[in-house]
Protein backbone atom coordinates (compact mmCIF):
# COMPACT_ATOMS: atom_id res chain seq x y z
CA MET A 1 152.25 150.33 96.69
CA PHE A 2 154.69 148.98 93.71
CA LYS A 3 158.62 149.93 93.92
CA ASN A 4 159.55 147.80 91.40
CA LEU A 5 158.18 146.47 87.96
CA SER A 6 158.83 143.62 85.54
CA ILE A 7 156.55 143.87 82.63
CA TYR A 8 154.53 140.46 81.24
CA ARG A 9 152.03 140.50 77.90
CA LEU A 10 149.47 138.31 78.74
CA ALA A 11 148.15 136.05 75.38
CA THR A 12 145.65 137.79 74.01
CA ASP A 13 143.19 133.69 74.57
CA TRP A 14 144.18 133.93 78.19
CA LEU A 15 140.55 134.45 80.16
CA ALA A 16 140.40 133.96 83.88
CA SER A 17 137.88 136.01 86.61
CA ALA A 18 138.96 136.44 89.49
CA SER A 19 136.94 133.52 90.82
CA LEU A 20 138.57 130.49 89.14
CA ILE A 21 142.37 132.41 89.84
CA GLU A 22 141.06 132.17 93.58
CA ASP A 23 140.11 128.71 93.67
CA ALA A 24 143.64 127.96 92.05
CA LEU A 25 145.71 130.04 94.22
CA ALA A 26 144.23 127.83 97.09
CA LYS A 27 145.60 125.29 96.16
CA THR A 28 149.18 127.13 97.36
CA VAL A 29 148.61 128.84 100.06
CA PHE A 30 151.48 130.08 102.05
CA MET A 31 153.04 127.60 104.78
CA ALA A 32 155.20 128.40 107.07
CA CYS A 33 159.00 126.82 106.55
CA GLY A 34 158.98 123.43 108.03
CA PRO A 35 162.04 122.41 110.23
CA THR A 36 164.59 121.36 107.56
CA GLN A 37 163.11 123.53 104.87
CA LYS A 38 164.81 125.98 103.51
CA GLN A 39 162.29 128.16 101.74
CA SER A 40 158.39 128.15 101.50
CA ALA A 41 156.48 130.14 99.44
CA GLY A 42 152.63 130.85 98.65
CA TRP A 43 149.88 132.48 98.19
CA VAL A 44 148.42 135.65 101.18
CA PRO A 45 145.49 137.97 100.90
CA PRO A 46 146.68 141.12 99.36
CA ARG A 47 144.98 143.32 102.05
CA GLY A 48 147.34 142.15 104.24
CA GLU A 49 143.84 140.45 106.60
CA GLU A 50 143.96 137.11 107.82
CA HIS A 51 141.32 134.60 106.38
CA GLY A 52 141.15 137.04 103.69
CA VAL A 53 140.43 136.65 99.62
CA LEU A 54 143.37 135.76 97.81
CA VAL A 55 142.26 137.68 94.76
CA GLU A 56 141.48 141.70 95.23
CA SER A 57 139.30 142.73 92.22
CA ILE A 58 139.34 146.56 91.86
CA GLY A 59 138.21 148.67 88.59
CA GLY A 60 138.61 145.01 87.03
CA GLU A 61 142.33 144.83 87.77
CA MET A 62 143.10 141.87 89.98
CA LEU A 63 145.76 142.49 93.11
CA LEU A 64 147.86 139.11 93.80
CA LYS A 65 150.48 138.67 96.96
CA LEU A 66 153.45 136.09 97.26
CA LEU A 67 154.77 135.29 100.59
CA VAL A 68 158.16 133.74 100.72
CA GLU A 69 159.89 132.74 103.88
CA THR A 70 163.58 131.65 104.03
CA ARG A 71 165.79 129.97 106.54
CA VAL A 72 168.80 132.43 107.00
CA LEU A 73 172.28 130.04 107.14
CA PRO A 74 174.97 131.83 106.76
CA SER A 75 177.48 129.70 105.13
CA SER A 76 180.77 130.40 107.54
CA VAL A 77 178.61 128.94 110.23
CA VAL A 78 178.02 125.73 108.07
CA LYS A 79 181.57 126.11 107.17
CA GLU A 80 182.49 125.47 111.06
CA ARG A 81 180.48 122.87 111.59
CA VAL A 82 181.72 120.75 108.68
CA ASP A 83 185.76 121.55 110.08
CA LEU A 84 184.40 120.19 113.18
CA LEU A 85 182.55 116.74 112.15
CA ALA A 86 185.77 116.83 109.58
CA GLU A 87 188.46 117.20 112.76
CA LYS A 88 186.46 114.49 114.31
CA ILE A 89 186.82 111.95 111.32
CA GLU A 90 190.60 112.56 111.37
CA GLU A 91 190.92 111.68 114.92
CA LEU A 92 188.61 107.86 114.59
CA THR A 93 190.52 107.39 111.16
CA GLY A 94 193.97 109.35 110.97
CA ARG A 95 192.55 110.37 107.83
CA LYS A 96 191.75 113.81 106.04
CA PRO A 97 188.08 113.78 104.31
CA GLY A 98 188.33 114.54 100.70
CA LYS A 99 186.04 116.67 98.70
CA LYS A 100 183.19 114.35 98.36
CA ALA A 101 182.87 113.75 102.11
CA ARG A 102 183.48 117.14 103.01
CA LYS A 103 180.33 117.60 100.68
CA ASP A 104 178.64 115.05 101.86
CA LEU A 105 179.55 116.58 105.66
CA ALA A 106 178.47 119.60 104.69
CA GLU A 107 175.04 118.17 103.81
CA LEU A 108 174.91 116.81 106.74
CA ALA A 109 175.53 119.76 108.81
CA THR A 110 172.76 121.79 107.27
CA LEU A 111 170.49 119.45 107.82
CA GLU A 112 171.42 119.80 111.56
CA LEU A 113 171.41 123.58 111.90
CA LEU A 114 168.38 124.53 109.84
CA PRO A 115 165.87 124.21 112.27
CA GLN A 116 167.48 126.50 114.42
CA ALA A 117 168.58 129.44 112.03
CA PHE A 118 165.99 132.45 112.18
CA THR A 119 163.87 133.51 108.82
CA LYS A 120 163.41 135.91 107.16
CA ARG A 121 160.19 137.10 104.43
CA SER A 122 159.55 138.59 101.88
CA GLN A 123 156.67 139.97 99.88
CA VAL A 124 156.01 140.34 95.93
CA LEU A 125 152.86 141.78 94.44
CA VAL A 126 151.21 140.56 91.37
CA TRP A 127 149.05 142.35 89.62
CA ILE A 128 147.05 141.42 86.13
CA SER A 129 145.09 143.49 83.95
CA PRO A 130 142.96 141.46 81.66
CA ALA A 131 141.86 144.27 80.20
CA LYS A 132 145.48 145.89 79.06
CA ARG A 133 146.20 142.36 79.14
CA LEU A 134 149.26 142.75 81.36
CA LEU A 135 150.98 140.83 84.16
CA VAL A 136 153.50 142.91 86.14
CA ILE A 137 155.59 142.19 89.15
CA ASP A 138 156.76 143.86 92.39
CA SER A 139 160.45 142.67 92.30
CA PRO A 140 164.13 144.46 91.80
CA SER A 141 164.87 140.68 91.70
CA ALA A 142 164.70 139.26 87.73
CA ALA A 143 165.81 135.83 88.77
CA ARG A 144 162.58 136.58 91.86
CA ALA A 145 160.45 137.57 88.90
CA GLU A 146 160.71 134.11 86.89
CA GLU A 147 160.32 132.43 89.93
CA VAL A 148 156.90 133.75 90.38
CA VAL A 149 155.80 133.48 87.04
CA SER A 150 156.91 129.73 86.72
CA LEU A 151 154.34 129.24 89.95
CA LEU A 152 151.67 131.27 88.04
CA VAL A 153 152.11 129.01 85.15
CA LYS A 154 152.20 125.85 87.04
CA THR A 155 149.10 126.99 88.90
CA LEU A 156 146.96 128.93 86.42
CA ASP A 157 145.71 126.86 84.03
CA GLY A 158 146.45 127.85 80.19
CA LEU A 159 148.26 130.95 80.95
CA THR A 160 150.66 131.80 78.14
CA LEU A 161 152.88 134.88 78.71
CA HIS A 162 156.05 136.99 77.71
CA LEU A 163 158.57 139.61 79.04
CA ILE A 164 157.56 142.18 76.88
CA GLN A 165 160.25 143.33 74.65
CA THR A 166 160.33 146.93 72.12
CA ALA A 167 161.37 147.91 68.57
CA GLU A 168 164.31 149.26 69.76
CA SER A 169 166.44 147.95 72.95
CA PRO A 170 166.11 150.73 76.12
CA ALA A 171 170.15 151.04 76.17
CA ALA A 172 169.54 152.77 72.45
CA CYS A 173 167.02 154.72 72.83
CA MET A 174 168.46 155.75 76.42
CA ALA A 175 171.40 156.95 74.88
CA ALA A 176 169.30 158.86 71.77
CA TRP A 177 167.69 160.22 74.78
CA LEU A 178 170.76 161.84 76.33
CA MET A 179 172.41 162.34 72.78
CA ASP A 180 169.33 164.81 71.79
CA GLY A 181 168.59 166.95 74.96
CA VAL A 182 164.59 165.63 74.61
CA ALA A 183 162.87 163.44 76.27
CA PRO A 184 160.45 161.44 75.15
CA GLU A 185 156.70 163.27 74.83
CA GLY A 186 155.33 163.40 78.65
CA PHE A 187 158.37 162.45 79.62
CA THR A 188 161.72 164.35 81.38
CA ILE A 189 165.10 162.92 82.10
CA ASP A 190 166.27 163.51 86.07
CA ARG A 191 169.72 163.75 87.80
CA GLU A 192 170.38 159.75 88.25
CA LEU A 193 171.99 157.49 84.90
CA GLU A 194 174.54 154.55 84.83
CA LEU A 195 177.06 154.47 82.15
CA LYS A 196 179.00 151.02 81.31
CA SER A 197 181.15 150.12 79.05
CA GLU A 198 180.63 147.11 76.88
CA ASP A 199 184.58 146.18 76.72
CA GLU A 200 185.84 143.04 78.81
CA MET A 201 186.56 146.00 81.49
CA LYS A 202 183.23 146.96 81.66
CA SER A 203 184.17 150.42 83.44
CA THR A 204 181.42 152.05 84.85
CA VAL A 205 180.10 155.87 85.15
CA ARG A 206 177.10 156.99 87.65
CA TYR A 207 175.65 160.29 88.15
CA GLY A 208 173.26 160.88 91.36
CA ARG A 209 171.56 164.23 91.42
CA HIS A 210 173.72 165.68 88.89
CA ALA A 211 172.79 167.65 85.56
CA LEU A 212 173.11 165.50 82.54
CA ASP A 213 172.79 167.63 79.74
CA ILE A 214 176.30 168.05 79.60
CA GLU A 215 179.08 167.67 77.76
CA GLU A 216 181.05 165.32 79.12
CA VAL A 217 177.98 162.54 78.84
CA ARG A 218 177.57 162.84 75.49
CA GLN A 219 181.17 162.29 75.52
CA HIS A 220 181.13 158.98 77.18
CA LEU A 221 178.12 157.60 75.66
CA ALA A 222 180.22 158.16 72.38
CA GLY A 223 183.33 157.06 73.65
CA GLY A 224 181.14 153.36 73.82
CA LYS A 225 179.34 153.49 77.21
CA SER A 226 175.81 152.78 76.68
CA PRO A 227 173.45 153.94 79.30
CA THR A 228 172.32 150.60 81.57
CA ARG A 229 169.74 153.26 84.48
CA LEU A 230 167.93 156.46 84.02
CA ALA A 231 165.74 157.93 85.95
CA LEU A 232 162.79 159.74 84.49
CA THR A 233 159.20 161.41 85.62
CA TYR A 234 156.17 160.89 83.82
CA LYS A 235 153.63 164.01 83.66
CA ASP A 236 155.13 164.92 87.30
CA ARG A 237 153.38 161.88 88.86
CA VAL A 238 155.08 159.13 88.55
CA SER A 239 159.42 159.19 88.99
CA PHE A 240 161.25 155.86 88.19
CA VAL A 241 164.82 154.28 87.12
CA LEU A 242 164.45 152.76 83.67
CA SER A 243 167.34 149.67 82.87
CA ASP A 244 168.51 149.02 80.12
CA SER A 245 166.52 145.18 80.45
CA LEU A 246 163.16 147.56 80.97
CA GLN A 247 162.74 146.74 84.38
CA VAL A 248 161.28 150.00 86.11
CA ARG A 249 162.77 150.51 89.65
CA LYS A 250 162.68 152.82 92.63
CA ILE A 251 158.91 154.09 91.38
CA ASN A 252 157.68 157.12 93.74
CA PHE A 253 154.12 158.22 93.27
CA LEU A 254 154.93 162.10 93.80
CA ASP A 255 152.11 163.98 95.56
CA LEU A 256 150.37 165.02 91.96
CA ALA A 257 149.07 161.74 91.43
CA PHE A 258 147.31 161.70 95.09
CA GLU A 259 145.66 165.51 94.78
CA GLY A 260 142.52 165.75 96.80
CA ARG A 261 142.53 163.03 99.22
CA ASP A 262 143.20 163.66 102.28
CA LYS A 263 145.69 162.33 104.64
CA ALA A 264 143.94 159.22 106.38
CA GLU A 265 142.37 158.26 103.13
CA LYS A 266 145.90 158.33 101.17
CA ASP A 267 147.05 156.43 104.57
CA GLU A 268 144.79 153.56 104.94
CA ALA A 269 142.33 152.91 101.90
CA PHE A 270 144.02 149.78 100.05
CA ASP A 271 141.27 150.16 97.38
CA ALA A 272 141.80 153.89 95.95
CA ASP A 273 145.74 153.12 96.47
CA ALA A 274 145.31 150.27 94.62
CA ALA A 275 143.55 152.06 92.38
CA ILE A 276 145.74 154.89 91.77
CA ALA A 277 148.69 152.83 91.43
CA THR A 278 147.33 150.64 88.80
CA GLY A 279 145.58 153.85 87.25
CA GLU A 280 148.77 155.41 86.53
CA LEU A 281 150.90 152.81 85.93
CA GLY A 282 148.82 151.46 83.49
CA ALA A 283 148.93 154.94 81.51
CA LEU A 284 152.82 154.78 82.45
CA ILE A 285 153.57 151.32 80.55
CA PRO A 286 152.55 152.08 77.86
CA ALA A 287 153.75 155.51 76.70
CA LEU A 288 157.36 154.10 77.88
CA ILE A 289 157.12 151.16 75.17
CA GLU A 290 155.37 153.77 72.99
CA ALA A 291 158.94 155.88 72.97
CA MET A 292 161.04 152.64 72.64
CA GLY A 293 159.36 152.56 69.08
CA GLY A 294 156.23 150.22 70.47
CA GLU A 295 156.57 146.95 71.30
CA HIS A 296 158.39 144.08 69.58
CA ASP A 297 155.59 141.60 67.24
CA PHE A 298 156.45 138.12 68.29
CA LEU A 299 153.83 136.71 66.36
CA ALA A 300 155.25 138.52 63.13
CA ALA A 301 158.77 137.87 63.91
CA GLY A 302 157.85 134.41 64.11
CA ALA A 303 155.71 134.37 61.11
CA MET A 304 158.86 135.70 59.27
CA LEU A 305 160.66 133.08 60.55
CA ALA A 306 158.48 130.58 58.98
CA ASN A 307 158.26 132.18 55.23
CA ALA A 308 162.31 132.60 55.36
CA ALA A 309 161.68 128.55 55.78
CA ALA A 310 159.27 128.06 53.26
CA PRO A 311 160.63 128.10 48.76
CA ALA A 312 160.42 131.62 47.14
CA PRO A 313 157.24 132.62 45.98
CA ALA A 314 156.88 132.99 42.17
CA ALA A 315 156.20 136.64 42.19
CA MET A 316 157.64 138.69 44.83
CA PRO A 317 155.27 141.18 46.27
CA ALA A 318 155.39 144.98 45.55
CA PRO A 319 158.15 147.35 47.29
CA ALA A 320 156.91 149.48 49.98
CA PRO A 321 156.75 152.93 49.04
CA LEU A 322 159.28 155.26 49.67
CA ALA A 323 159.80 159.35 50.83
CA GLY A 324 157.53 160.14 47.84
CA SER A 325 154.57 158.44 48.55
CA ASP A 326 151.72 159.87 50.42
CA GLU A 327 150.79 157.16 52.25
CA GLY A 328 151.16 157.35 56.23
CA ASP A 329 151.97 160.52 58.15
CA PRO A 330 151.29 163.63 55.61
CA VAL A 331 154.34 165.42 56.96
CA TYR A 332 156.86 162.33 56.04
CA ASP A 333 158.20 164.00 52.97
CA ASN A 334 159.28 167.04 54.98
CA ALA A 335 161.09 165.18 57.65
CA VAL A 336 163.10 163.49 54.92
CA LYS A 337 163.98 166.21 53.95
CA ILE A 338 165.14 167.55 57.03
CA VAL A 339 167.29 165.06 57.25
CA ILE A 340 168.54 164.82 54.26
CA ALA A 341 169.76 168.48 54.81
CA HIS A 342 171.36 168.10 57.76
CA LYS A 343 172.96 164.80 56.94
CA ARG A 344 171.68 163.77 60.48
CA ALA A 345 169.39 161.58 61.56
CA SER A 346 167.84 162.58 64.89
CA ILE A 347 164.74 162.58 66.69
CA SER A 348 165.23 166.15 67.81
CA LEU A 349 166.44 167.24 64.82
CA VAL A 350 162.88 166.80 63.41
CA GLN A 351 160.98 167.28 65.77
CA ARG A 352 161.99 170.90 66.77
CA HIS A 353 161.91 171.35 62.42
CA LEU A 354 158.86 169.98 62.77
CA GLN A 355 157.19 171.72 66.09
CA ILE A 356 155.57 167.92 66.49
CA GLY A 357 155.37 165.81 69.18
CA TYR A 358 158.41 163.36 69.74
CA ASN A 359 156.92 160.14 70.23
CA ARG A 360 155.14 160.87 66.86
CA ALA A 361 159.27 161.94 65.13
CA ALA A 362 160.05 158.99 66.28
CA ARG A 363 157.81 157.25 64.36
CA LEU A 364 158.91 159.25 61.36
CA LEU A 365 162.38 158.20 62.19
CA TYR A 366 161.38 153.88 62.19
CA ARG A 367 159.51 154.75 58.76
CA MET A 368 162.97 156.48 57.48
CA GLU A 369 164.93 153.04 58.81
CA LYS A 370 162.52 150.42 57.27
CA GLU A 371 162.70 152.24 53.88
CA GLY A 372 166.28 152.07 54.12
CA LEU A 373 166.80 155.92 53.99
CA VAL A 374 168.69 155.63 57.40
CA SER A 375 170.22 152.84 59.62
CA PRO A 376 168.82 151.10 62.95
CA MET A 377 169.27 153.17 66.18
CA LYS A 378 173.49 152.21 67.19
CA SER A 379 174.27 151.93 70.59
CA ASP A 380 174.69 155.21 71.21
CA GLY A 381 171.03 156.32 70.35
CA GLY A 382 172.53 158.03 66.47
CA ARG A 383 171.50 156.88 63.20
CA GLU A 384 173.81 157.17 60.01
CA LEU A 385 172.36 158.62 56.80
CA LEU A 386 172.49 155.95 54.48
CA ARG A 387 174.19 156.50 50.89
CA LYS A 388 170.91 156.64 48.40
CA ALA A 389 169.12 159.05 50.94
CA VAL A 390 171.53 161.51 49.64
CA PRO A 391 170.12 163.69 46.45
CA ALA A 392 173.61 162.79 43.92
């Protein structure tokens, strides 16, 4: 049911029932392209049933479907028609049409040819989860996802949302997982990877159906190449490819996700498929966000900018507690000792020595970063141990 995800966060104050959304979408139902119309987009019933509802609500999760029809007019066909028109003008006037004239001819040729052009259709599934405050668009194209969002914002009164961003960049996190050879809790690293250099050459290395826990991969990372795609599996239930823009692609629900269902039910039951898909992805998305340091807090960032612009207060607040404090995780002090002793700030290092989960170890490293003991994560996934963290 879902193959690619662009993930958006809904504003806390936006509430809309399925019936209200249904009424709004009814104003922009799908209409086929007119003879000279290049593209048409509108809402259709998600089940594919004629005259069905435009909003399917299953277990509190809402599904919408946008249908896009486009007239296919190859540029070579338009150019051929423009050349023919230009030849006729030259025969009549004795002069070749200039650049502006050819542009006008291209518009004329397009209008002439559009009624004869074939059409192609594509569907975009939209999932709204009010309880999780998520809006998810099933599209491999970021541009198409933004088009769908723009249409929804115009259609649904008061809809406010933003593309989810994580505290740590996906590329840096993927690099850290590959460097350490350890995936976040619940995830496993699969056998597909794309690395790209950040210089002007943009050289690319791809691995397909290949083990990634090899020295060659680590050398590429140390040499400045950054992961742009990495294949992962979540709890042996959903496999996917994570991109450096936090898009989830090539989703495959594994057999375990459909355990206990007979073939007829799996093939035919829309409700059951939707419930399983949204349930599995509803668990995957927050786990993925947590694995990258949690979600970037736009409200907090806005408050910081506002405070930075305001006059400084007379008295500064007390500094945050450092390593000796007993606040927070009880194993934090031990984690700091491990990092100092090994002179290396690695999530997997802390995880192995304290025998704790990956995500918990990651939170300990984030706290060390906040308190100035280690540097922020670099593009290769590593962190520097800062001078003041090393005992004299």
